[in-house]
Amino acid sequence: MSLEELVANYGYLAIAIGTFLEGETILVLGGFAAHRGFLELPWVIVCAFLGSFIGDQTFFYIGRKNGQKILEKRPHWKAKSTKVLAMMEKHQTWLILSFRFLYGIRSVTPFLLGAAKVSRPRFFVLNMIGAGVWAIAVGSLGYSFGYAVEAMLGNIKRYEMGIFGVMAAVGLGFWLFRLLTKKRTG
């Protein structure tokens, strides 16, 4: 199966699943794939929005239902919890709108907001707005990255497999580094 077929057949699904779990790298790759003509940027953004929004709503409700029990079993989350809760006390609206852009607390914030019993309708609306802004910004960044690569390399058709490979390897390496770091500190 060629790169074009692989991306065309599974690209939108990969973006939705990847952004459900976290997703900056997969969304940048999706934006780059849209620049190359393998995907359509509006659909990349829609899939990223849905994946991110649904994922964060899911983690919010898990936190709301079982947050305290889960936190008691994970003392290594204490530092992040303290940081997020302090931010929530001062800037709840801004935190909900922008946590996707905050390295290190992005994945745990919806869970903690649920555990802190933030209003369901408030989180729903602000999460929807935040997911939309994030999907547009990061998807467009990936699309623009295609222009930057093209400006540096000229005709990037012959380099695109390598570019996708390097971007995927960097994203996977970053994810593995974070996973291993979490295990060592936990």
Foldseek 3Di string as FASTA:
>chain_A
DDPLCCCLVCLLVCLLQQLLQQHLLSLLLSLLCCLVVSDPLVSSLVSNLNSNLVSLLVLLQCLQVCVVVVCVVCVLCVVLLVVLVVCCVPPVLVCLLALSVDPPNNRCNSSSCSNVVDDPVSSNVSNSNSSNVVSVVSSVNSNVVNVVVCVVPPPCPVVVVVVSVVSVVVVVVVVVVVVVVSVVSD
